[in-house]
Amino acid sequence: MKIRQLLTATVCALCFAGICAAAGPKPTPNKPAPKPTPQTTVMEFMPDPPVLSEQAYILMDYDTGAVLLGKNIHERIVPASLTKMMTSYVIGQEILAGRLSKDTQVTISRNAWEMNKNDGSKMFIEVGKKVSVEYLNLGIIIQSGNDACVAMAEHIAGSEDAFASLMNEWAKYLGMKDSHFVNSHGLYDENHYSTAYDMALLGRNLINDLPDEYKIYSQKEFTFNKITQQNRNRLLWDTSLHVDGIKTGHLSQVGYNLVASAVDDETGFRLISVIIGAKSEAQRAEDSKKLLTYGFQFYKKVPIAVAGKELLSQRIFYGKENEIKLGSPKDLRVALPRNKVDTVKVSVKLSDKVKLEAPMKKGTRVGSIIVRSEDKIIYKAPLVTLDAVEECGFLGKIWDWIVQFFTGLFK
């Protein structure tokens, strides 16, 4: 009886639903269905890099030091007046260390004054006169004065030979493995050499280590002894790029050289280019611009880590805290071809040589942040502690020792 009642109720319900559906509005015939909105696909094509005729060239990412483009980057070259970047770097370090002041007066020796007799660049200083370190530095950077270089070399180290030795020590410290200096100005000597890579590396350290010194490199002219000379870096006048340095050079033995750096003001993306052996001033400027423009157009900065922001936390033993935060001490960004931005993978690797045991200071390196693109390692950066952790009490140490002991048994 109950089954019969259930079947009857079901039939009635279905019939009622059919009546309601029939009574409802009917679809309009021949009305086309709406088309889905087409999805716009952004294609990221990479053109071939510019082909340049110079002896050597390089395009370097400032943030990481990665080489984006290059030719003969480790081949020995004649740096010419690019040498003055190292002279300037040494001067900047002496000022930073407090061993030298911008106001210090330098007496011009006959040896320095006699540099005016050659055909090279000069500041037109006079023998026996006193000139401030600030003015001599401006003369070195803007006017490329060989005489000013010798005057500063003698003042800092006593002789140019001794100053060259100081330059070589700084070169080793900066990792310039293929450079050797015998003078402060860059006039030709077969034992005076560098590479395109080392010059880019020097430029990168100059910008990073000595920002006050680097500001001078953007000045377009300098007047001394009633003689005004312009900076020979033509790109400082180019409004299509924000070039703010660095240095030109020329010798008959090599041609025209230029180390240039430009920055995108909106993103902070900075590039460094080096041209070695151009046939003219115009060519070195034009080809430097080609490299920089290509880099800004077809490379993108990919954020990897934010300074002080935790990437991961790890167990730490014998501390008042059980865990310690790890991350990067500075913002990390890598430059990649724009069609490879999506291939970036980031991982971390803890060092086997460092034990996570208190006490531990903030900023202690404990491993590496590893950046890969297409399964190739493209950059490594320090992984550091973001906080300090103090030691715990006696009982806490005993407990952590027990935990470490038994954890080690199962490794």
Protein backbone atom coordinates (compact mmCIF):
# COMPACT_ATOMS: atom_id res chain seq x y z
CA MET A 1 0.00 0.00 0.00
CA LYS A 2 2.80 2.43 0.92
CA ILE A 3 4.69 1.64 -2.31
CA ARG A 4 1.58 2.41 -4.37
CA GLN A 5 1.14 5.77 -2.61
CA LEU A 6 4.82 6.66 -3.22
CA LEU A 7 4.60 5.88 -6.96
CA THR A 8 1.42 7.93 -7.26
CA ALA A 9 3.05 10.94 -5.56
CA THR A 10 6.12 10.72 -7.81
CA VAL A 11 4.03 10.63 -11.01
CA CYS A 12 2.03 13.65 -9.86
CA ALA A 13 5.19 15.59 -9.10
CA LEU A 14 6.67 14.89 -12.52
CA CYS A 15 3.48 15.88 -14.26
CA PHE A 16 3.31 19.15 -12.26
CA ALA A 17 6.91 19.94 -13.22
CA GLY A 18 6.17 19.34 -16.89
CA ILE A 19 3.12 21.65 -16.73
CA CYS A 20 5.17 24.41 -15.12
CA ALA A 21 7.92 24.08 -17.71
CA ALA A 22 5.40 24.19 -20.55
CA ALA A 23 3.79 27.29 -19.05
CA GLY A 24 7.11 29.11 -18.74
CA PRO A 25 8.71 31.38 -21.38
CA LYS A 26 9.99 29.69 -24.50
CA PRO A 27 13.41 30.47 -25.99
CA THR A 28 13.38 32.78 -29.02
CA PRO A 29 14.11 30.71 -32.13
CA ASN A 30 17.12 31.45 -34.37
CA LYS A 31 18.82 33.66 -31.72
CA PRO A 32 22.60 33.02 -31.88
CA ALA A 33 24.36 32.03 -28.67
CA PRO A 34 26.75 34.71 -27.27
CA LYS A 35 30.38 34.26 -28.33
CA PRO A 36 33.05 33.98 -25.67
CA THR A 37 35.31 37.02 -25.25
CA PRO A 38 38.59 36.29 -27.07
CA GLN A 39 41.67 36.09 -24.83
CA THR A 40 44.56 38.36 -25.88
CA THR A 41 47.88 36.51 -25.90
CA VAL A 42 50.98 38.60 -25.29
CA MET A 43 53.88 37.18 -27.25
CA GLU A 44 57.37 37.79 -25.87
CA PHE A 45 59.78 37.51 -28.79
CA MET A 46 63.53 38.09 -28.36
CA PRO A 47 65.37 39.58 -31.35
CA ASP A 48 69.02 38.83 -31.93
CA PRO A 49 71.37 41.11 -29.98
CA PRO A 50 73.22 43.87 -31.83
CA VAL A 51 76.28 42.80 -33.78
CA LEU A 52 79.22 45.07 -32.98
CA SER A 53 82.63 45.26 -34.64
CA GLU A 54 84.73 46.29 -31.63
CA GLN A 55 87.55 44.19 -30.21
CA ALA A 56 85.52 43.43 -27.09
CA TYR A 57 82.29 44.50 -25.41
CA ILE A 58 80.02 43.53 -22.54
CA LEU A 59 76.59 44.32 -21.10
CA MET A 60 76.32 43.64 -17.37
CA ASP A 61 73.40 43.68 -14.95
CA TYR A 62 74.40 46.00 -12.11
CA ASP A 63 72.38 44.28 -9.37
CA THR A 64 73.86 40.82 -9.81
CA GLY A 65 76.95 41.32 -11.96
CA ALA A 66 75.53 38.84 -14.47
CA VAL A 67 76.82 39.11 -18.05
CA LEU A 68 73.85 39.60 -20.38
CA LEU A 69 75.79 40.05 -23.64
CA GLY A 70 79.44 40.01 -24.54
CA LYS A 71 82.31 39.34 -26.90
CA ASN A 72 85.88 38.55 -25.85
CA ILE A 73 85.00 39.68 -22.35
CA HIS A 74 88.07 38.06 -20.74
CA GLU A 75 90.50 38.89 -23.53
CA ARG A 76 93.42 41.14 -22.54
CA ILE A 77 92.86 44.72 -23.72
CA VAL A 78 94.52 48.13 -23.40
CA PRO A 79 92.30 50.12 -21.03
CA ALA A 80 93.78 53.56 -21.86
CA SER A 81 92.07 56.24 -19.74
CA LEU A 82 89.57 53.72 -18.35
CA THR A 83 92.49 53.25 -15.96
CA LYS A 84 91.41 56.47 -14.28
CA MET A 85 88.37 54.65 -12.92
CA MET A 86 90.74 52.70 -10.67
CA THR A 87 92.68 55.87 -9.79
CA SER A 88 89.36 57.47 -8.86
CA TYR A 89 88.32 54.38 -6.90
CA VAL A 90 91.50 54.48 -4.81
CA ILE A 91 91.03 58.21 -4.15
CA GLY A 92 87.43 57.61 -3.09
CA GLN A 93 88.47 54.84 -0.72
CA GLU A 94 91.16 57.07 0.82
CA ILE A 95 88.57 59.78 1.43
CA LEU A 96 86.10 57.24 2.83
CA ALA A 97 88.74 55.91 5.23
CA GLY A 98 89.52 59.41 6.46
CA ARG A 99 93.12 59.34 5.25
CA LEU A 100 92.37 62.03 2.70
CA SER A 101 90.13 65.09 2.62
CA LYS A 102 88.61 66.93 -0.33
CA ASP A 103 90.11 70.11 1.09
CA THR A 104 93.65 68.71 1.32
CA GLN A 105 96.08 70.83 -0.69
CA VAL A 106 98.42 68.96 -3.06
CA THR A 107 101.66 70.57 -4.22
CA ILE A 108 102.16 69.92 -7.92
CA SER A 109 105.52 68.29 -8.68
CA ARG A 110 107.54 68.80 -11.83
CA ASN A 111 106.92 65.16 -12.69
CA ALA A 112 103.16 65.75 -12.63
CA TRP A 113 103.43 69.05 -14.52
CA GLU A 114 105.53 67.45 -17.27
CA MET A 115 102.54 65.28 -18.21
CA ASN A 116 101.28 68.45 -19.91
CA LYS A 117 104.00 68.04 -22.53
CA ASN A 118 102.54 64.87 -24.05
CA ASP A 119 99.56 64.66 -26.37
CA GLY A 120 97.28 63.08 -23.77
CA SER A 121 94.47 64.68 -21.81
CA LYS A 122 95.47 67.25 -19.22
CA MET A 123 94.06 69.51 -16.52
CA PHE A 124 96.72 72.21 -17.09
CA ILE A 125 98.05 72.28 -13.53
CA GLU A 126 101.22 74.28 -12.86
CA VAL A 127 104.40 73.13 -11.13
CA GLY A 128 104.80 74.32 -7.55
CA LYS A 129 101.16 75.41 -7.21
CA LYS A 130 98.81 73.90 -4.64
CA VAL A 131 95.54 72.37 -5.80
CA SER A 132 92.84 70.77 -3.64
CA VAL A 133 92.09 67.06 -3.77
CA GLU A 134 88.54 67.95 -4.79
CA TYR A 135 89.71 69.87 -7.87
CA LEU A 136 92.28 67.27 -8.86
CA ASN A 137 89.63 64.57 -8.58
CA LEU A 138 87.30 66.57 -10.83
CA GLY A 139 90.16 67.00 -13.28
CA ILE A 140 90.77 63.24 -13.34
CA ILE A 141 87.14 62.21 -13.80
CA ILE A 142 85.75 64.96 -16.05
CA GLN A 143 88.81 66.25 -17.92
CA SER A 144 90.68 62.93 -17.83
CA GLY A 145 93.82 64.80 -16.78
CA ASN A 146 96.98 62.70 -16.83
CA ASP A 147 98.77 65.43 -14.88
CA ALA A 148 96.16 65.33 -12.13
CA CYS A 149 96.52 61.54 -11.90
CA VAL A 150 100.26 61.75 -11.28
CA ALA A 151 99.81 64.54 -8.72
CA MET A 152 97.30 62.46 -6.74
CA ALA A 153 99.34 59.26 -7.07
CA GLU A 154 102.41 60.96 -5.64
CA HIS A 155 100.42 62.57 -2.85
CA ILE A 156 98.77 59.32 -1.75
CA ALA A 157 101.61 56.82 -2.17
CA GLY A 158 104.80 58.90 -2.56
CA SER A 159 105.44 57.77 -6.13
CA GLU A 160 103.48 56.56 -9.10
CA ASP A 161 105.05 53.10 -8.86
CA ALA A 162 103.85 52.75 -5.28
CA PHE A 163 100.41 54.00 -6.26
CA ALA A 164 100.22 51.44 -9.08
CA SER A 165 100.95 48.75 -6.50
CA LEU A 166 98.02 50.07 -4.47
CA MET A 167 95.83 49.94 -7.55
CA ASN A 168 96.74 46.29 -8.08
CA GLU A 169 95.91 45.42 -4.49
CA TRP A 170 92.46 46.93 -4.90
CA ALA A 171 92.06 45.08 -8.21
CA LYS A 172 92.68 41.78 -6.44
CA TYR A 173 90.23 42.70 -3.70
CA LEU A 174 87.52 43.50 -6.25
CA GLY A 175 88.07 40.24 -8.13
CA MET A 176 89.66 41.79 -11.22
CA LYS A 177 91.67 38.67 -11.98
CA ASP A 178 92.92 39.70 -15.42
CA SER A 179 94.09 43.26 -14.76
CA HIS A 180 97.49 44.76 -14.00
CA PHE A 181 98.30 48.45 -13.63
CA VAL A 182 101.70 50.13 -13.92
CA ASN A 183 100.55 53.76 -13.94
CA SER A 184 97.68 55.96 -12.78
CA HIS A 185 96.66 57.47 -16.13
CA GLY A 186 96.60 54.66 -18.71
CA LEU A 187 99.28 55.72 -21.19
CA TYR A 188 100.50 52.69 -23.10
CA ASP A 189 102.71 50.11 -21.45
CA GLU A 190 102.78 46.46 -22.47
CA ASN A 191 102.48 45.44 -18.81
CA HIS A 192 99.42 47.65 -18.28
CA TYR A 193 96.28 45.73 -19.21
CA SER A 194 92.76 44.70 -18.25
CA THR A 195 89.64 43.09 -19.78
CA ALA A 196 86.15 44.24 -20.71
CA TYR A 197 84.76 42.15 -17.86
CA ASP A 198 87.14 43.61 -15.29
CA MET A 199 86.30 47.15 -16.39
CA ALA A 200 82.56 46.43 -15.99
CA LEU A 201 83.27 44.90 -12.58
CA LEU A 202 85.25 47.99 -11.57
CA GLY A 203 82.39 50.23 -12.71
CA ARG A 204 79.91 48.18 -10.70
CA ASN A 205 81.99 48.50 -7.53
CA LEU A 206 82.57 52.19 -8.10
CA ILE A 207 78.81 52.81 -8.25
CA ASN A 208 78.06 50.57 -5.27
CA ASP A 209 80.95 51.35 -2.92
CA LEU A 210 81.49 55.06 -3.56
CA PRO A 211 78.19 56.76 -4.44
CA ASP A 212 79.53 60.23 -3.64
CA GLU A 213 82.54 59.65 -5.88
CA TYR A 214 80.30 58.29 -8.63
CA LYS A 215 78.15 61.44 -8.69
CA ILE A 216 81.09 63.31 -10.23
CA TYR A 217 80.96 61.10 -13.33
CA SER A 218 77.68 62.66 -14.47
CA GLN A 219 79.09 66.20 -14.59
CA LYS A 220 79.30 67.46 -18.15
CA GLU A 221 82.09 70.01 -17.80
CA PHE A 222 84.68 71.45 -15.43
CA THR A 223 86.61 74.70 -15.45
CA PHE A 224 90.11 74.98 -14.00
CA ASN A 225 92.75 77.64 -14.57
CA LYS A 226 90.18 79.50 -16.71
CA ILE A 227 90.03 76.55 -19.10
CA THR A 228 86.68 74.78 -19.50
CA GLN A 229 86.68 71.21 -20.77
CA GLN A 230 83.70 68.98 -21.43
CA ASN A 231 83.21 65.40 -20.37
CA ARG A 232 83.99 63.18 -23.37
CA ASN A 233 81.14 60.78 -22.60
CA ARG A 234 78.65 61.83 -25.30
CA LEU A 235 75.88 59.71 -23.79
CA LEU A 236 75.52 62.17 -20.90
CA TRP A 237 73.74 64.46 -23.39
CA ASP A 238 71.48 61.71 -24.78
CA THR A 239 67.94 62.26 -23.47
CA SER A 240 66.66 58.83 -24.55
CA LEU A 241 68.72 57.12 -21.85
CA HIS A 242 69.54 58.18 -18.31
CA VAL A 243 73.30 57.69 -18.57
CA ASP A 244 75.14 59.01 -15.49
CA GLY A 245 78.68 57.74 -16.15
CA ILE A 246 81.26 56.41 -16.48
CA LYS A 247 84.55 56.91 -18.38
CA THR A 248 86.06 57.23 -21.84
CA GLY A 249 89.50 56.24 -23.08
CA HIS A 250 91.56 56.43 -26.25
CA LEU A 251 94.96 55.27 -27.44
CA SER A 252 96.20 54.64 -30.96
CA GLN A 253 97.15 51.09 -29.93
CA VAL A 254 93.53 50.15 -29.19
CA GLY A 255 91.11 52.81 -30.45
CA TYR A 256 88.23 54.34 -28.53
CA ASN A 257 86.90 52.83 -25.30
CA LEU A 258 83.86 53.62 -23.19
CA VAL A 259 82.44 52.27 -19.94
CA ALA A 260 78.86 53.56 -19.59
CA SER A 261 76.08 53.07 -17.09
CA ALA A 262 72.40 53.94 -17.33
CA VAL A 263 69.45 53.48 -14.99
CA ASP A 264 65.69 53.27 -15.43
CA ASP A 265 64.41 55.82 -12.91
CA GLU A 266 61.03 54.10 -12.51
CA THR A 267 62.25 50.57 -11.83
CA GLY A 268 65.82 51.17 -10.66
CA PHE A 269 67.04 48.73 -13.32
CA ARG A 270 70.70 49.65 -13.98
CA LEU A 271 72.98 48.35 -16.71
CA ILE A 272 76.71 48.73 -17.35
CA SER A 273 78.20 48.54 -20.84
CA VAL A 274 81.82 48.41 -21.98
CA ILE A 275 83.07 49.10 -25.50
CA ILE A 276 86.73 48.38 -26.34
CA GLY A 277 88.35 49.37 -29.63
CA ALA A 278 85.82 51.49 -31.48
CA LYS A 279 87.05 53.41 -34.53
CA SER A 280 85.77 56.80 -33.36
CA GLU A 281 84.18 58.71 -30.49
CA ALA A 282 80.87 58.59 -32.32
CA GLN A 283 81.02 54.82 -32.79
CA ARG A 284 81.81 54.05 -29.16
CA ALA A 285 78.84 56.18 -28.08
CA GLU A 286 76.52 54.72 -30.72
CA ASP A 287 77.42 51.11 -29.94
CA SER A 288 77.21 51.66 -26.19
CA LYS A 289 73.70 53.02 -26.75
CA LYS A 290 72.81 49.92 -28.81
CA LEU A 291 73.82 47.63 -25.94
CA LEU A 292 72.04 49.64 -23.26
CA THR A 293 68.86 50.08 -25.32
CA TYR A 294 68.72 46.37 -26.12
CA GLY A 295 69.13 45.52 -22.45
CA PHE A 296 66.36 47.82 -21.25
CA GLN A 297 63.97 46.78 -24.03
CA PHE A 298 64.35 43.02 -23.94
CA TYR A 299 65.37 42.16 -20.39
CA LYS A 300 63.18 42.36 -17.33
CA LYS A 301 64.00 42.46 -13.64
CA VAL A 302 62.47 39.56 -11.75
CA PRO A 303 62.05 40.02 -7.97
CA ILE A 304 63.52 37.14 -5.99
CA ALA A 305 63.55 38.27 -2.37
CA VAL A 306 62.79 41.33 -0.26
CA ALA A 307 65.38 42.52 2.23
CA GLY A 308 64.59 41.26 5.72
CA LYS A 309 61.51 39.29 4.64
CA GLU A 310 61.38 35.67 5.79
CA LEU A 311 61.91 33.03 3.12
CA LEU A 312 61.81 30.13 5.56
CA SER A 313 62.35 29.29 9.21
CA GLN A 314 64.54 26.56 10.64
CA ARG A 315 64.94 24.75 13.96
CA ILE A 316 67.70 26.25 16.08
CA PHE A 317 69.17 24.47 19.10
CA TYR A 318 70.27 25.81 22.49
CA GLY A 319 68.40 29.08 22.01
CA LYS A 320 65.64 30.96 23.80
CA GLU A 321 63.71 30.59 20.55
CA ASN A 322 63.13 27.23 18.89
CA GLU A 323 63.13 28.60 15.35
CA ILE A 324 65.10 31.24 13.46
CA LYS A 325 63.96 33.18 10.41
CA LEU A 326 66.12 33.10 7.28
CA GLY A 327 66.11 35.36 4.25
CA SER A 328 68.10 37.85 2.20
CA PRO A 329 69.95 40.85 3.66
CA LYS A 330 68.99 42.96 0.62
CA ASP A 331 66.46 43.11 -2.17
CA LEU A 332 67.25 40.53 -4.84
CA ARG A 333 66.32 40.94 -8.49
CA VAL A 334 67.71 39.18 -11.53
CA ALA A 335 67.68 40.33 -15.13
CA LEU A 336 66.29 37.81 -17.60
CA PRO A 337 65.32 37.84 -21.27
CA ARG A 338 61.66 38.79 -21.23
CA ASN A 339 60.65 35.49 -22.87
CA LYS A 340 62.23 33.53 -20.00
CA VAL A 341 60.73 35.35 -17.03
CA ASP A 342 58.31 32.48 -16.34
CA THR A 343 61.14 29.95 -16.12
CA VAL A 344 62.55 31.31 -12.83
CA LYS A 345 62.71 28.92 -9.89
CA VAL A 346 64.08 29.82 -6.47
CA SER A 347 65.41 27.40 -3.86
CA VAL A 348 67.58 27.58 -0.76
CA LYS A 349 70.46 25.41 0.38
CA LEU A 350 71.74 25.35 3.94
CA SER A 351 75.49 25.16 4.41
CA ASP A 352 76.90 21.96 5.91
CA LYS A 353 79.60 24.05 7.59
CA VAL A 354 77.23 26.18 9.67
CA LYS A 355 75.32 24.77 12.63
CA LEU A 356 72.07 26.42 13.63
CA GLU A 357 72.96 26.70 17.30
CA ALA A 358 72.60 29.66 19.65
CA PRO A 359 74.02 32.12 20.25
CA MET A 360 73.61 33.32 16.68
CA LYS A 361 73.91 36.88 15.40
CA LYS A 362 71.59 38.58 12.98
CA GLY A 363 73.01 38.56 9.46
CA THR A 364 75.00 35.33 9.84
CA ARG A 365 75.31 33.54 6.51
CA VAL A 366 73.92 30.04 6.79
CA GLY A 367 73.50 29.04 3.17
CA SER A 368 72.61 30.22 -0.32
CA ILE A 369 69.58 31.41 -2.24
CA ILE A 370 69.75 29.70 -5.62
CA VAL A 371 68.02 31.09 -8.71
CA ARG A 372 67.50 28.85 -11.73
CA SER A 373 66.18 29.47 -15.21
CA GLU A 374 65.47 26.51 -17.47
CA ASP A 375 67.13 24.30 -14.83
CA LYS A 376 70.40 26.24 -15.04
CA ILE A 377 71.77 28.12 -12.05
CA ILE A 378 71.95 31.79 -13.04
CA TYR A 379 72.60 33.41 -9.66
CA LYS A 380 73.50 32.63 -6.08
CA ALA A 381 73.02 34.99 -3.14
CA PRO A 382 73.65 34.72 0.61
CA LEU A 383 70.97 33.23 2.85
CA VAL A 384 71.28 34.86 6.28
CA THR A 385 69.65 34.91 9.70
CA LEU A 386 67.11 37.71 10.03
CA ASP A 387 67.12 37.77 13.83
CA ALA A 388 69.58 37.20 16.65
CA VAL A 389 68.92 34.28 19.00
CA GLU A 390 70.38 34.18 22.50
CA GLU A 391 71.33 31.05 24.44
CA CYS A 392 68.73 29.37 26.59
CA GLY A 393 69.20 28.12 30.15
CA PHE A 394 70.90 24.94 31.35
CA LEU A 395 67.81 22.72 31.30
CA GLY A 396 66.91 23.92 27.83
CA LYS A 397 70.39 23.04 26.57
CA ILE A 398 70.14 19.54 28.09
CA TRP A 399 66.81 18.97 26.38
CA ASP A 400 68.08 20.20 23.00
CA TRP A 401 71.15 17.99 23.36
CA ILE A 402 68.91 14.97 23.87
CA VAL A 403 66.77 15.94 20.84
CA GLN A 404 69.89 16.41 18.69
CA PHE A 405 71.34 13.10 19.83
CA PHE A 406 68.29 11.01 18.97
CA THR A 407 67.62 12.95 15.78
CA GLY A 408 71.16 12.16 14.65
CA LEU A 409 70.60 8.43 15.19
CA PHE A 410 67.88 8.37 12.55
CA LYS A 411 69.69 10.37 9.87
